Amino acid sequence: MTDFSYQLYSSRNFGPLSQTLKMVADLGYKQVEGYGGLYANLDALDQLKADLESNNLHMATGHFGFDMVSEDPAKILNIAKVLDMKGVFVPAPPSSDYREGKGDWAKFAADLAEAGKPYLDAGLTYGYHNHHWEWDDVNGTTPIEMLLSGEGVQLEMDVAWVVRASQDPIAWMDKLGSKIVAAHVKDIAAPGENADEDGWADVGTGTMDWPAIMTAIREKTNAKFFVMEHDNPSDDARFAKRSIDAAQQL
C-alpha cells in the first residue's frame, strides 16, 4: 500500500502545526511535505522533529523557495539532515515575471541546475514542482522541458495544475516519465463549484480521473512520493480525511 504524504501548506490557515500533525497521523498518513514558512525559525527545528516523531510521521520531502535553495544550501542541508529528508523541491519560479509571461526560463533552468549541485552531492533528490505557467509554448518547447534539461533536476508533478494548463498529464508522463519522482495528488471541482476554495476539490470528489491517473503514475514514472494537497480548503480536516479515504482505494 502506498504511504501517502500530506502537504502541510494545505493546513496553513488552520490550527497549530502540532495539531495538524496529530490530525494527519490519526487519519493514516505516514509522511508530510513541508513548505517554506515552516523553515523560517530554525530554533523550532528540534521541536518539529519531536512532533513528527511523536506522531510516527516522516517529513520525507520539503518545498524551499529558489532564493533559499540557491543562496543558503547549508541551511537547507542542515534541515534535511535533522529531519532525515529525502527530497528538496523548488515550488515555483523565482519571481512574478514568470507568472506574467516575461521570465527568462532558459536562464532559470541553468540557475536551477547549478543550485542543485550541493543537494545532489548530499544524496538528496532535487527537483521542481510545477504550476500551470510551465506548460506554455516558448519557441517550440515548454518551460518544463527547459527546467528538466538540467543535470539531476527531477519533477514533482502537480497533476491538477497540468490539467489546469489544458494539458494531458498522462501524455506528459509518457514523455517525462523517468524524470517524475513525486506527484501531488489533488482534484479540480466541476465548473462553477467550490468557488470559495478556488475551484479545487477533495481528492475523489472532483473531475480528475484519479484511478486512471494513479495507474499511469505507477506504470510510467519513477514517483516515490504521493503528496495530498489542496491549495485553499475551507476545512482542512474534511479535505485530509476524504482525500486519504479516496486515495487508499486507488
Protein backbone atom coordinates (compact mmCIF):
# COMPACT_ATOMS: atom_id res chain seq x y z
CA MET A 1 0.00 0.00 0.00
CA THR A 2 1.19 3.49 -0.83
CA ASP A 3 2.36 5.67 2.06
CA PHE A 4 0.55 8.91 1.26
CA SER A 5 2.05 12.21 2.27
CA TYR A 6 0.30 15.44 3.22
CA GLN A 7 1.43 18.87 2.03
CA LEU A 8 1.27 20.95 5.20
CA TYR A 9 0.62 24.07 3.13
CA SER A 10 -2.95 22.77 2.90
CA SER A 11 -3.39 23.49 6.62
CA ARG A 12 -1.52 26.80 6.82
CA ASN A 13 -4.72 28.70 7.69
CA PHE A 14 -5.85 26.37 10.45
CA GLY A 15 -4.67 25.15 13.86
CA PRO A 16 -1.11 24.96 15.17
CA LEU A 17 1.30 22.66 13.40
CA SER A 18 1.35 20.17 16.27
CA GLN A 19 -2.41 19.79 15.95
CA THR A 20 -2.17 19.32 12.18
CA LEU A 21 0.46 16.63 12.54
CA LYS A 22 -1.69 14.70 15.01
CA MET A 23 -4.70 15.02 12.72
CA VAL A 24 -3.00 13.64 9.64
CA ALA A 25 -1.30 10.85 11.58
CA ASP A 26 -4.63 9.80 13.09
CA LEU A 27 -6.09 9.65 9.57
CA GLY A 28 -3.39 7.27 8.35
CA TYR A 29 -0.86 9.48 6.63
CA LYS A 30 2.72 8.28 7.09
CA GLN A 31 4.57 11.24 5.59
CA VAL A 32 4.27 15.01 5.32
CA GLU A 33 5.77 17.58 2.99
CA GLY A 34 6.93 20.90 4.37
CA TYR A 35 6.82 24.34 2.79
CA GLY A 36 8.95 27.45 3.07
CA GLY A 37 7.29 29.14 6.02
CA LEU A 38 7.89 26.15 8.27
CA TYR A 39 11.64 26.54 7.99
CA ALA A 40 11.88 30.22 8.89
CA ASN A 41 12.58 29.58 12.57
CA LEU A 42 15.46 27.16 12.93
CA ASP A 43 15.15 27.39 16.72
CA ALA A 44 11.94 25.37 16.35
CA LEU A 45 13.57 22.63 14.27
CA ASP A 46 14.13 20.27 17.21
CA GLN A 47 10.51 20.74 18.27
CA LEU A 48 9.34 19.97 14.74
CA LYS A 49 11.45 16.81 14.75
CA ALA A 50 9.97 15.79 18.11
CA ASP A 51 6.41 16.46 16.94
CA LEU A 52 6.99 14.37 13.82
CA GLU A 53 8.47 11.51 15.81
CA SER A 54 5.70 11.53 18.41
CA ASN A 55 3.16 11.10 15.61
CA ASN A 56 5.20 8.50 13.70
CA LEU A 57 5.45 10.84 10.73
CA HIS A 58 8.35 11.42 8.37
CA MET A 59 8.89 14.73 6.58
CA ALA A 60 10.24 12.96 3.54
CA THR A 61 10.21 15.99 1.25
CA GLY A 62 10.11 19.75 1.51
CA HIS A 63 9.45 22.82 -0.61
CA PHE A 64 12.05 25.57 -0.43
CA GLY A 65 11.92 28.83 -2.37
CA PHE A 66 14.55 29.24 -5.07
CA ASP A 67 16.24 32.12 -3.29
CA MET A 68 16.81 29.93 -0.24
CA VAL A 69 17.88 26.95 -2.35
CA SER A 70 20.43 28.98 -4.28
CA GLU A 71 21.69 31.28 -1.53
CA ASP A 72 21.71 29.16 1.61
CA PRO A 73 22.29 25.48 0.82
CA ALA A 74 23.99 24.90 4.18
CA LYS A 75 20.77 25.84 5.98
CA ILE A 76 18.66 23.52 3.85
CA LEU A 77 21.13 20.67 4.12
CA ASN A 78 21.06 21.01 7.90
CA ILE A 79 17.25 20.91 7.91
CA ALA A 80 17.30 17.89 5.63
CA LYS A 81 19.79 16.10 7.87
CA VAL A 82 17.93 16.80 11.12
CA LEU A 83 14.60 15.68 9.66
CA ASP A 84 16.01 12.85 7.51
CA MET A 85 14.50 14.37 4.39
CA LYS A 86 14.92 12.58 1.09
CA GLY A 87 13.88 15.25 -1.40
CA VAL A 88 14.12 19.02 -1.90
CA PHE A 89 11.78 20.70 -4.38
CA VAL A 90 11.61 24.28 -5.62
CA PRO A 91 7.87 25.03 -5.64
CA ALA A 92 7.62 27.92 -8.12
CA PRO A 93 9.57 30.33 -10.32
CA PRO A 94 11.68 32.93 -8.52
CA SER A 95 9.58 35.99 -9.39
CA SER A 96 6.21 37.13 -10.70
CA ASP A 97 7.77 37.80 -14.12
CA TYR A 98 7.48 34.13 -14.95
CA ARG A 99 3.81 34.11 -14.00
CA GLU A 100 3.19 37.04 -16.33
CA GLY A 101 4.98 35.58 -19.35
CA LYS A 102 8.06 37.79 -19.01
CA GLY A 103 10.52 35.45 -17.29
CA ASP A 104 13.71 34.07 -18.81
CA TRP A 105 13.05 30.36 -18.47
CA ALA A 106 16.32 29.33 -20.08
CA LYS A 107 18.30 31.31 -17.51
CA PHE A 108 16.19 29.96 -14.67
CA ALA A 109 16.74 26.41 -15.94
CA ALA A 110 20.52 26.93 -15.87
CA ASP A 111 20.36 28.54 -12.42
CA LEU A 112 18.10 25.76 -11.09
CA ALA A 113 20.56 23.09 -12.21
CA GLU A 114 23.55 24.96 -10.79
CA ALA A 115 21.81 25.48 -7.44
CA GLY A 116 21.04 21.78 -7.20
CA LYS A 117 24.63 20.58 -7.06
CA PRO A 118 25.04 20.66 -3.24
CA TYR A 119 21.82 18.69 -2.75
CA LEU A 120 22.69 16.09 -5.33
CA ASP A 121 26.18 15.77 -3.83
CA ALA A 122 24.49 15.11 -0.47
CA GLY A 123 22.47 12.27 -1.99
CA LEU A 124 19.13 14.08 -1.97
CA THR A 125 16.52 14.02 -4.69
CA TYR A 126 16.35 17.52 -6.15
CA GLY A 127 13.72 18.98 -8.40
CA TYR A 128 10.94 21.34 -9.29
CA HIS A 129 7.21 21.46 -8.56
CA ASN A 130 5.07 22.83 -11.37
CA HIS A 131 2.05 25.08 -11.60
CA HIS A 132 0.44 25.91 -14.95
CA TRP A 133 2.92 28.51 -16.22
CA GLU A 134 5.50 25.89 -17.14
CA TRP A 135 3.44 24.35 -19.95
CA ASP A 136 3.17 27.34 -22.33
CA ASP A 137 4.83 27.15 -25.71
CA VAL A 138 8.14 29.01 -25.81
CA ASN A 139 9.74 28.91 -29.25
CA GLY A 140 8.66 25.34 -29.90
CA THR A 141 9.39 23.95 -26.47
CA THR A 142 7.99 24.40 -22.97
CA PRO A 143 9.45 25.83 -19.77
CA ILE A 144 9.03 22.47 -18.03
CA GLU A 145 11.24 20.79 -20.63
CA MET A 146 13.84 23.51 -20.21
CA LEU A 147 13.82 23.11 -16.44
CA LEU A 148 14.17 19.34 -16.59
CA SER A 149 17.04 19.51 -19.07
CA GLY A 150 19.40 20.43 -16.24
CA GLU A 151 21.53 17.62 -14.89
CA GLY A 152 19.90 15.97 -11.90
CA VAL A 153 16.74 18.12 -11.95
CA GLN A 154 13.65 15.97 -11.39
CA LEU A 155 9.93 16.76 -11.39
CA GLU A 156 7.35 16.70 -8.66
CA MET A 157 4.34 16.70 -10.97
CA ASP A 158 1.35 18.60 -9.64
CA VAL A 159 -1.09 16.71 -11.80
CA ALA A 160 -4.06 19.01 -11.30
CA TRP A 161 -2.05 22.07 -12.33
CA VAL A 162 -1.10 20.23 -15.52
CA VAL A 163 -4.81 19.78 -16.21
CA ARG A 164 -5.44 23.46 -15.43
CA ALA A 165 -2.83 24.22 -18.08
CA SER A 166 -5.12 22.39 -20.55
CA GLN A 167 -2.60 19.57 -20.89
CA ASP A 168 -2.98 15.80 -20.69
CA PRO A 169 -0.93 14.65 -17.68
CA ILE A 170 -0.77 11.04 -18.83
CA ALA A 171 0.66 12.08 -22.19
CA TRP A 172 3.30 14.08 -20.33
CA MET A 173 4.04 11.04 -18.17
CA ASP A 174 4.82 9.17 -21.38
CA LYS A 175 7.23 11.94 -22.34
CA LEU A 176 8.79 12.78 -18.97
CA GLY A 177 8.23 9.57 -17.01
CA SER A 178 11.78 8.89 -15.88
CA LYS A 179 12.07 12.48 -14.62
CA ILE A 180 8.94 12.32 -12.46
CA VAL A 181 9.89 11.31 -8.91
CA ALA A 182 6.90 12.64 -6.96
CA ALA A 183 3.28 13.60 -7.57
CA HIS A 184 0.85 15.99 -5.96
CA VAL A 185 -2.49 14.27 -5.59
CA LYS A 186 -5.24 16.90 -5.79
CA ASP A 187 -8.57 17.39 -7.52
CA ILE A 188 -10.46 20.01 -9.51
CA ALA A 189 -14.08 20.89 -8.81
CA ALA A 190 -16.70 20.88 -11.54
CA PRO A 191 -17.08 24.24 -13.32
CA GLY A 192 -18.83 26.75 -11.08
CA GLU A 193 -18.40 24.69 -7.91
CA ASN A 194 -16.21 25.36 -4.84
CA ALA A 195 -15.60 28.98 -5.72
CA ASP A 196 -14.69 29.65 -2.08
CA GLU A 197 -11.92 27.05 -2.47
CA ASP A 198 -10.56 28.49 -5.73
CA GLY A 199 -12.19 25.70 -7.70
CA TRP A 200 -10.23 22.89 -6.06
CA ALA A 201 -11.86 19.77 -4.58
CA ASP A 202 -11.12 16.99 -2.14
CA VAL A 203 -9.47 14.06 -3.90
CA GLY A 204 -12.11 11.76 -5.35
CA THR A 205 -14.87 14.36 -5.33
CA GLY A 206 -13.85 16.39 -8.37
CA THR A 207 -13.41 15.95 -12.10
CA MET A 208 -9.99 14.26 -12.16
CA ASP A 209 -9.92 10.60 -13.24
CA TRP A 210 -7.67 9.58 -10.38
CA PRO A 211 -7.95 5.78 -10.87
CA ALA A 212 -6.52 6.12 -14.39
CA ILE A 213 -4.02 8.79 -13.35
CA MET A 214 -2.68 6.81 -10.40
CA THR A 215 -2.28 3.73 -12.58
CA ALA A 216 -0.32 5.80 -15.08
CA ILE A 217 1.89 7.31 -12.38
CA ARG A 218 2.76 3.88 -11.06
CA GLU A 219 3.37 2.39 -14.50
CA LYS A 220 5.03 5.26 -16.36
CA THR A 221 7.04 7.24 -13.80
CA ASN A 222 9.61 6.86 -11.05
CA ALA A 223 7.37 8.54 -8.46
CA LYS A 224 8.11 7.50 -4.88
CA PHE A 225 6.24 10.26 -3.07
CA PHE A 226 2.48 10.81 -3.35
CA VAL A 227 1.53 14.08 -1.70
CA MET A 228 -2.06 15.09 -0.97
CA GLU A 229 -2.67 18.80 -1.44
CA HIS A 230 -5.47 21.35 -1.59
CA ASP A 231 -4.41 24.94 -2.21
CA ASN A 232 -7.27 26.54 -0.29
CA PRO A 233 -9.58 24.20 1.63
CA SER A 234 -12.35 25.70 3.75
CA ASP A 235 -11.96 22.75 6.13
CA ASP A 236 -8.57 21.05 6.21
CA ALA A 237 -9.73 18.12 8.34
CA ARG A 238 -12.51 17.36 5.88
CA PHE A 239 -10.08 17.57 2.97
CA ALA A 240 -7.47 15.40 4.68
CA LYS A 241 -9.94 12.66 5.61
CA ARG A 242 -11.94 12.49 2.39
CA SER A 243 -8.78 12.57 0.30
CA ILE A 244 -6.89 9.77 2.01
CA ASP A 245 -10.05 7.65 2.14
CA ALA A 246 -10.35 8.03 -1.62
CA ALA A 247 -6.65 7.64 -2.34
CA GLN A 248 -6.38 4.39 -0.39
CA GLN A 249 -8.82 2.88 -2.88
CA LEU A 250 -6.63 3.74 -5.85
